[in-house]
PDB file of N, CA and C in Angstrom:
ATOM      1  N   MET A   1     -35.699 105.791 167.466  1.00  0.00           N
ATOM      2  CA  MET A   1     -36.623 106.621 166.714  1.00  0.00           C
ATOM      3  C   MET A   1     -36.410 106.405 165.218  1.00  0.00           C
ATOM      4  N   SER A   2     -37.463 106.477 164.490  1.00  0.00           N
ATOM      5  CA  SER A   2     -37.335 106.401 163.039  1.00  0.00           C
ATOM      6  C   SER A   2     -37.175 107.809 162.494  1.00  0.00           C
ATOM      7  N   GLY A   3     -36.831 107.921 161.240  1.00  0.00           N
ATOM      8  CA  GLY A   3     -36.665 109.221 160.616  1.00  0.00           C
ATOM      9  C   GLY A   3     -37.914 110.078 160.701  1.00  0.00           C
ATOM     10  N   LEU A   4     -39.067 109.443 160.666  1.00  0.00           N
ATOM     11  CA  LEU A   4     -40.312 110.199 160.729  1.00  0.00           C
ATOM     12  C   LEU A   4     -40.658 110.629 162.146  1.00  0.00           C
ATOM     13  N   ASP A   5     -40.175 109.884 163.131  1.00  0.00           N
ATOM     14  CA  ASP A   5     -40.518 110.160 164.514  1.00  0.00           C
ATOM     15  C   ASP A   5     -39.496 111.031 165.234  1.00  0.00           C
ATOM     16  N   GLU A   6     -38.387 111.353 164.581  1.00  0.00           N
ATOM     17  CA  GLU A   6     -37.322 112.084 165.255  1.00  0.00           C
ATOM     18  C   GLU A   6     -37.776 113.465 165.686  1.00  0.00           C
ATOM     19  N   SER A   7     -37.359 113.825 166.865  1.00  0.00           N
ATOM     20  CA  SER A   7     -37.680 115.130 167.414  1.00  0.00           C
ATOM     21  C   SER A   7     -36.465 116.034 167.263  1.00  0.00           C
ATOM     22  N   ASP A   8     -36.709 117.309 167.059  1.00  0.00           N
ATOM     23  CA  ASP A   8     -35.623 118.262 166.965  1.00  0.00           C
ATOM     24  C   ASP A   8     -35.492 119.061 168.253  1.00  0.00           C
ATOM     25  N   ARG A   9     -36.191 118.633 169.295  1.00  0.00           N
ATOM     26  CA  ARG A   9     -36.075 119.324 170.572  1.00  0.00           C
ATOM     27  C   ARG A   9     -34.714 119.009 171.182  1.00  0.00           C
ATOM     28  N   PRO A  10     -34.001 120.019 171.700  1.00  0.00           N
ATOM     29  CA  PRO A  10     -32.679 119.782 172.292  1.00  0.00           C
ATOM     30  C   PRO A  10     -32.688 118.716 173.385  1.00  0.00           C
ATOM     31  N   ALA A  11     -33.717 118.699 174.206  1.00  0.00           N
ATOM     32  CA  ALA A  11     -33.778 117.704 175.282  1.00  0.00           C
ATOM     33  C   ALA A  11     -33.879 116.285 174.718  1.00  0.00           C
ATOM     34  N   ASP A  12     -34.621 116.120 173.634  1.00  0.00           N
ATOM     35  CA  ASP A  12     -34.756 114.801 173.015  1.00  0.00           C
ATOM     36  C   ASP A  12     -33.449 114.358 172.369  1.00  0.00           C
ATOM     37  N   ARG A  13     -32.759 115.292 171.690  1.00  0.00           N
ATOM     38  CA  ARG A  13     -31.468 114.952 171.087  1.00  0.00           C
ATOM     39  C   ARG A  13     -30.458 114.568 172.166  1.00  0.00           C
ATOM     40  N   PHE A  14     -30.434 115.345 173.265  1.00  0.00           N
ATOM     41  CA  PHE A  14     -29.522 115.043 174.366  1.00  0.00           C
ATOM     42  C   PHE A  14     -29.813 113.653 174.930  1.00  0.00           C
ATOM     43  N   ASP A  15     -31.076 113.345 175.180  1.00  0.00           N
ATOM     44  CA  ASP A  15     -31.442 112.051 175.744  1.00  0.00           C
ATOM     45  C   ASP A  15     -31.078 110.906 174.805  1.00  0.00           C
ATOM     46  N   SER A  16     -31.318 111.101 173.526  1.00  0.00           N
ATOM     47  CA  SER A  16     -30.963 110.075 172.554  1.00  0.00           C
ATOM     48  C   SER A  16     -29.448 109.862 172.517  1.00  0.00           C
ATOM     49  N   ALA A  17     -28.696 110.948 172.547  1.00  0.00           N
ATOM     50  CA  ALA A  17     -27.237 110.850 172.541  1.00  0.00           C
ATOM     51  C   ALA A  17     -26.749 110.168 173.814  1.00  0.00           C
ATOM     52  N   ARG A  18     -27.323 110.532 174.942  1.00  0.00           N
ATOM     53  CA  ARG A  18     -26.931 109.933 176.223  1.00  0.00           C
ATOM     54  C   ARG A  18     -27.181 108.429 176.214  1.00  0.00           C
ATOM     55  N   ARG A  19     -28.365 108.050 175.737  1.00  0.00           N
ATOM     56  CA  ARG A  19     -28.700 106.621 175.685  1.00  0.00           C
ATOM     57  C   ARG A  19     -27.774 105.856 174.728  1.00  0.00           C
ATOM     58  N   THR A  20     -27.434 106.488 173.616  1.00  0.00           N
ATOM     59  CA  THR A  20     -26.537 105.846 172.641  1.00  0.00           C
ATOM     60  C   THR A  20     -25.164 105.599 173.252  1.00  0.00           C
ATOM     61  N   VAL A  21     -24.617 106.622 173.902  1.00  0.00           N
ATOM     62  CA  VAL A  21     -23.298 106.485 174.509  1.00  0.00           C
ATOM     63  C   VAL A  21     -23.317 105.413 175.596  1.00  0.00           C
ATOM     64  N   LEU A  22     -24.360 105.406 176.409  1.00  0.00           N
ATOM     65  CA  LEU A  22     -24.444 104.393 177.460  1.00  0.00           C
ATOM     66  C   LEU A  22     -24.595 102.990 176.871  1.00  0.00           C
ATOM     67  N   GLN A  23     -25.329 102.860 175.770  1.00  0.00           N
ATOM     68  CA  GLN A  23     -25.481 101.559 175.103  1.00  0.00           C
ATOM     69  C   GLN A  23     -24.135 101.026 174.628  1.00  0.00           C
ATOM     70  N   HIS A  24     -23.267 101.919 174.173  1.00  0.00           N
ATOM     71  CA  HIS A  24     -21.964 101.514 173.637  1.00  0.00           C
ATOM     72  C   HIS A  24     -20.891 101.370 174.709  1.00  0.00           C
ATOM     73  N   ASP A  25     -21.200 101.769 175.940  1.00  0.00           N
ATOM     74  CA  ASP A  25     -20.228 101.659 177.021  1.00  0.00           C
ATOM     75  C   ASP A  25     -19.851 100.194 177.226  1.00  0.00           C
ATOM     76  N   ASP A  26     -18.593  99.951 177.485  1.00  0.00           N
ATOM     77  CA  ASP A  26     -18.074  98.596 177.729  1.00  0.00           C
ATOM     78  C   ASP A  26     -18.317  97.648 176.559  1.00  0.00           C
ATOM     79  N   GLY A  27     -18.217  98.171 175.334  1.00  0.00           N
ATOM     80  CA  GLY A  27     -18.271  97.314 174.159  1.00  0.00           C
ATOM     81  C   GLY A  27     -19.648  96.990 173.634  1.00  0.00           C
ATOM     82  N   GLY A  28     -20.694  97.619 174.154  1.00  0.00           N
ATOM     83  CA  GLY A  28     -22.039  97.380 173.644  1.00  0.00           C
ATOM     84  C   GLY A  28     -22.167  97.852 172.198  1.00  0.00           C
ATOM     85  N   THR A  29     -23.164  97.367 171.517  1.00  0.00           N
ATOM     86  CA  THR A  29     -23.379  97.726 170.116  1.00  0.00           C
ATOM     87  C   THR A  29     -24.840  98.096 169.886  1.00  0.00           C
ATOM     88  N   CYS A  30     -25.110  98.602 168.696  1.00  0.00           N
ATOM     89  CA  CYS A  30     -26.478  98.908 168.299  1.00  0.00           C
ATOM     90  C   CYS A  30     -26.670  98.452 166.852  1.00  0.00           C
ATOM     91  N   LEU A  31     -27.835  98.701 166.298  1.00  0.00           N
ATOM     92  CA  LEU A  31     -28.120  98.275 164.925  1.00  0.00           C
ATOM     93  C   LEU A  31     -27.318  99.049 163.895  1.00  0.00           C
ATOM     94  N   GLN A  32     -26.761 100.203 164.273  1.00  0.00           N
ATOM     95  CA  GLN A  32     -25.977 101.019 163.341  1.00  0.00           C
ATOM     96  C   GLN A  32     -24.502 100.636 163.328  1.00  0.00           C
ATOM     97  N   CYS A  33     -24.060  99.805 164.255  1.00  0.00           N
ATOM     98  CA  CYS A  33     -22.650  99.411 164.344  1.00  0.00           C
ATOM     99  C   CYS A  33     -22.267  98.521 163.163  1.00  0.00           C
ATOM    100  N   ALA A  34     -21.116  98.830 162.574  1.00  0.00           N
ATOM    101  CA  ALA A  34     -20.619  98.014 161.461  1.00  0.00           C
ATOM    102  C   ALA A  34     -19.106  98.119 161.402  1.00  0.00           C
ATOM    103  N   ASP A  35     -18.452  96.997 161.270  1.00  0.00           N
ATOM    104  CA  ASP A  35     -17.000  96.943 161.090  1.00  0.00           C
ATOM    105  C   ASP A  35     -16.236  97.720 162.155  1.00  0.00           C
ATOM    106  N   GLY A  36     -16.661  97.630 163.397  1.00  0.00           N
ATOM    107  CA  GLY A  36     -15.948  98.272 164.491  1.00  0.00           C
ATOM    108  C   GLY A  36     -16.165  99.770 164.621  1.00  0.00           C
ATOM    109  N   SER A  37     -17.057 100.330 163.826  1.00  0.00           N
ATOM    110  CA  SER A  37     -17.351 101.754 163.950  1.00  0.00           C
ATOM    111  C   SER A  37     -18.860 101.949 163.966  1.00  0.00           C
ATOM    112  N   CYS A  38     -19.272 103.110 164.454  1.00  0.00           N
ATOM    113  CA  CYS A  38     -20.701 103.376 164.547  1.00  0.00           C
ATOM    114  C   CYS A  38     -20.957 104.862 164.327  1.00  0.00           C
ATOM    115  N   ARG A  39     -21.668 105.178 163.258  1.00  0.00           N
ATOM    116  CA  ARG A  39     -22.003 106.584 162.977  1.00  0.00           C
ATOM    117  C   ARG A  39     -22.904 107.159 164.049  1.00  0.00           C
ATOM    118  N   GLN A  40     -23.782 106.339 164.614  1.00  0.00           N
ATOM    119  CA  GLN A  40     -24.678 106.800 165.672  1.00  0.00           C
ATOM    120  C   GLN A  40     -23.875 107.186 166.913  1.00  0.00           C
ATOM    121  N   GLN A  41     -22.883 106.380 167.265  1.00  0.00           N
ATOM    122  CA  GLN A  41     -22.030 106.677 168.416  1.00  0.00           C
ATOM    123  C   GLN A  41     -21.239 107.961 168.175  1.00  0.00           C
ATOM    124  N   ALA A  42     -20.710 108.124 166.973  1.00  0.00           N
ATOM    125  CA  ALA A  42     -19.957 109.344 166.645  1.00  0.00           C
ATOM    126  C   ALA A  42     -20.864 110.569 166.754  1.00  0.00           C
ATOM    127  N   TRP A  43     -22.092 110.466 166.238  1.00  0.00           N
ATOM    128  CA  TRP A  43     -23.055 111.568 166.360  1.00  0.00           C
ATOM    129  C   TRP A  43     -23.329 111.872 167.826  1.00  0.00           C
ATOM    130  N   ALA A  44     -23.539 110.827 168.622  1.00  0.00           N
ATOM    131  CA  ALA A  44     -23.889 111.004 170.029  1.00  0.00           C
ATOM    132  C   ALA A  44     -22.779 111.729 170.787  1.00  0.00           C
ATOM    133  N   ILE A  45     -21.546 111.370 170.533  1.00  0.00           N
ATOM    134  CA  ILE A  45     -20.428 112.025 171.210  1.00  0.00           C
ATOM    135  C   ILE A  45     -20.374 113.495 170.832  1.00  0.00           C
ATOM    136  N   GLU A  46     -20.533 113.795 169.555  1.00  0.00           N
ATOM    137  CA  GLU A  46     -20.522 115.200 169.117  1.00  0.00           C
ATOM    138  C   GLU A  46     -21.689 115.974 169.715  1.00  0.00           C
ATOM    139  N   GLU A  47     -22.845 115.350 169.807  1.00  0.00           N
ATOM    140  CA  GLU A  47     -24.021 116.008 170.387  1.00  0.00           C
ATOM    141  C   GLU A  47     -23.798 116.285 171.870  1.00  0.00           C
ATOM    142  N   LEU A  48     -23.241 115.335 172.591  1.00  0.00           N
ATOM    143  CA  LEU A  48     -23.020 115.520 174.026  1.00  0.00           C
ATOM    144  C   LEU A  48     -21.963 116.576 174.314  1.00  0.00           C
ATOM    145  N   LYS A  49     -21.034 116.772 173.398  1.00  0.00           N
ATOM    146  CA  LYS A  49     -20.010 117.806 173.584  1.00  0.00           C
ATOM    147  C   LYS A  49     -20.609 119.207 173.624  1.00  0.00           C
ATOM    148  N   LYS A  50     -21.830 119.367 173.153  1.00  0.00           N
ATOM    149  CA  LYS A  50     -22.494 120.677 173.110  1.00  0.00           C
ATOM    150  C   LYS A  50     -23.115 121.060 174.449  1.00  0.00           C
ATOM    151  N   HIS A  51     -23.137 120.152 175.420  1.00  0.00           N
ATOM    152  CA  HIS A  51     -23.844 120.365 176.677  1.00  0.00           C
ATOM    153  C   HIS A  51     -22.921 120.104 177.868  1.00  0.00           C
ATOM    154  N   PRO A  52     -22.969 120.953 178.887  1.00  0.00           N
ATOM    155  CA  PRO A  52     -22.138 120.718 180.070  1.00  0.00           C
ATOM    156  C   PRO A  52     -22.364 119.336 180.691  1.00  0.00           C
ATOM    157  N   GLY A  53     -23.607 118.913 180.789  1.00  0.00           N
ATOM    158  CA  GLY A  53     -23.896 117.590 181.332  1.00  0.00           C
ATOM    159  C   GLY A  53     -23.387 116.478 180.435  1.00  0.00           C
ATOM    160  N   GLY A  54     -23.418 116.721 179.143  1.00  0.00           N
ATOM    161  CA  GLY A  54     -22.893 115.747 178.194  1.00  0.00           C
ATOM    162  C   GLY A  54     -21.384 115.629 178.298  1.00  0.00           C
ATOM    163  N   LEU A  55     -20.709 116.766 178.472  1.00  0.00           N
ATOM    164  CA  LEU A  55     -19.258 116.743 178.658  1.00  0.00           C
ATOM    165  C   LEU A  55     -18.895 115.962 179.913  1.00  0.00           C
ATOM    166  N   LEU A  56     -19.655 116.154 180.970  1.00  0.00           N
ATOM    167  CA  LEU A  56     -19.406 115.427 182.205  1.00  0.00           C
ATOM    168  C   LEU A  56     -19.570 113.928 182.000  1.00  0.00           C
ATOM    169  N   LEU A  57     -20.628 113.527 181.318  1.00  0.00           N
ATOM    170  CA  LEU A  57     -20.848 112.100 181.045  1.00  0.00           C
ATOM    171  C   LEU A  57     -19.700 111.529 180.206  1.00  0.00           C
ATOM    172  N   LEU A  58     -19.282 112.251 179.174  1.00  0.00           N
ATOM    173  CA  LEU A  58     -18.178 111.775 178.341  1.00  0.00           C
ATOM    174  C   LEU A  58     -16.895 111.636 179.151  1.00  0.00           C
ATOM    175  N   GLN A  59     -16.661 112.551 180.076  1.00  0.00           N
ATOM    176  CA  GLN A  59     -15.489 112.445 180.947  1.00  0.00           C
ATOM    177  C   GLN A  59     -15.601 111.226 181.851  1.00  0.00           C
ATOM    178  N   GLN A  60     -16.767 111.018 182.430  1.00  0.00           N
ATOM    179  CA  GLN A  60     -16.968 109.882 183.327  1.00  0.00           C
ATOM    180  C   GLN A  60     -16.762 108.558 182.614  1.00  0.00           C
ATOM    181  N   LEU A  61     -17.150 108.506 181.353  1.00  0.00           N
ATOM    182  CA  LEU A  61     -16.985 107.279 180.566  1.00  0.00           C
ATOM    183  C   LEU A  61     -15.628 107.215 179.871  1.00  0.00           C
ATOM    184  N   GLU A  62     -14.799 108.233 180.129  1.00  0.00           N
ATOM    185  CA  GLU A  62     -13.452 108.331 179.558  1.00  0.00           C
ATOM    186  C   GLU A  62     -13.488 108.338 178.030  1.00  0.00           C
ATOM    187  N   LEU A  63     -14.475 109.032 177.478  1.00  0.00           N
ATOM    188  CA  LEU A  63     -14.600 109.167 176.029  1.00  0.00           C
ATOM    189  C   LEU A  63     -14.137 110.534 175.550  1.00  0.00           C
ATOM    190  N   LEU A  64     -13.691 111.361 176.473  1.00  0.00           N
ATOM    191  CA  LEU A  64     -13.277 112.714 176.137  1.00  0.00           C
ATOM    192  C   LEU A  64     -11.934 112.975 176.784  1.00  0.00           C
ATOM    193  N   ASN A  65     -10.985 113.402 175.991  1.00  0.00           N
ATOM    194  CA  ASN A  65      -9.669 113.747 176.499  1.00  0.00           C
ATOM    195  C   ASN A  65      -9.778 115.080 177.224  1.00  0.00           C
ATOM    196  N   PRO A  66      -9.438 115.155 178.525  1.00  0.00           N
ATOM    197  CA  PRO A  66      -9.590 116.404 179.276  1.00  0.00           C
ATOM    198  C   PRO A  66      -8.850 117.586 178.651  1.00  0.00           C
ATOM    199  N   SER A  67      -7.751 117.368 177.974  1.00  0.00           N
ATOM    200  CA  SER A  67      -7.011 118.476 177.369  1.00  0.00           C
ATOM    201  C   SER A  67      -7.711 119.026 176.133  1.00  0.00           C
ATOM    202  N   ASN A  68      -8.678 118.304 175.591  1.00  0.00           N
ATOM    203  CA  ASN A  68      -9.407 118.757 174.412  1.00  0.00           C
ATOM    204  C   ASN A  68     -10.746 119.396 174.752  1.00  0.00           C
ATOM    205  N   GLN A  69     -11.028 119.579 176.027  1.00  0.00           N
ATOM    206  CA  GLN A  69     -12.305 120.153 176.422  1.00  0.00           C
ATOM    207  C   GLN A  69     -12.362 121.618 176.034  1.00  0.00           C
ATOM    208  N   PRO A  70     -13.509 122.052 175.562  1.00  0.00           N
ATOM    209  CA  PRO A  70     -13.656 123.490 175.342  1.00  0.00           C
ATOM    210  C   PRO A  70     -13.714 124.194 176.685  1.00  0.00           C
ATOM    211  N   THR A  71     -13.109 125.362 176.766  1.00  0.00           N
ATOM    212  CA  THR A  71     -13.157 126.119 178.011  1.00  0.00           C
ATOM    213  C   THR A  71     -14.085 127.305 177.834  1.00  0.00           C
ATOM    214  N   GLN A  72     -14.737 127.691 178.901  1.00  0.00           N
ATOM    215  CA  GLN A  72     -15.582 128.866 178.842  1.00  0.00           C
ATOM    216  C   GLN A  72     -14.694 130.088 178.910  1.00  0.00           C
ATOM    217  N   GLU A  73     -15.091 131.133 178.228  1.00  0.00           N
ATOM    218  CA  GLU A  73     -14.312 132.348 178.207  1.00  0.00           C
ATOM    219  C   GLU A  73     -14.136 132.862 179.630  1.00  0.00           C
ATOM    220  N   GLY A  74     -12.901 133.232 179.959  1.00  0.00           N
ATOM    221  CA  GLY A  74     -12.608 133.740 181.287  1.00  0.00           C
ATOM    222  C   GLY A  74     -12.280 132.667 182.292  1.00  0.00           C
ATOM    223  N   GLN A  75     -12.411 131.411 181.918  1.00  0.00           N
ATOM    224  CA  GLN A  75     -12.102 130.299 182.809  1.00  0.00           C
ATOM    225  C   GLN A  75     -10.662 129.859 182.571  1.00  0.00           C
ATOM    226  N   PRO A  76      -9.861 129.708 183.620  1.00  0.00           N
ATOM    227  CA  PRO A  76      -8.501 129.208 183.422  1.00  0.00           C
ATOM    228  C   PRO A  76      -8.527 127.745 183.010  1.00  0.00           C
ATOM    229  N   ARG A  77      -7.561 127.328 182.238  1.00  0.00           N
ATOM    230  CA  ARG A  77      -7.453 125.934 181.827  1.00  0.00           C
ATOM    231  C   ARG A  77      -6.920 125.105 182.938  1.00  0.00           C
TER     232      ARG A  77
END
């Protein structure tokens, strides 16, 4: 998406973040990648951390340390 076409709908942000993370899985890159780092990938990981499904995807791709997961109130660690 370009800056003019970006959607602020949560579902669109989630989908964009999901696609970004999957693109970078196993060493993939995108147009934003530079010098071994990617601001788009960093944004995508932070965006996915906001959603239960995103947390699950990050765990499956081993991009999230299980000890750093946020816990829901009242849930044992």
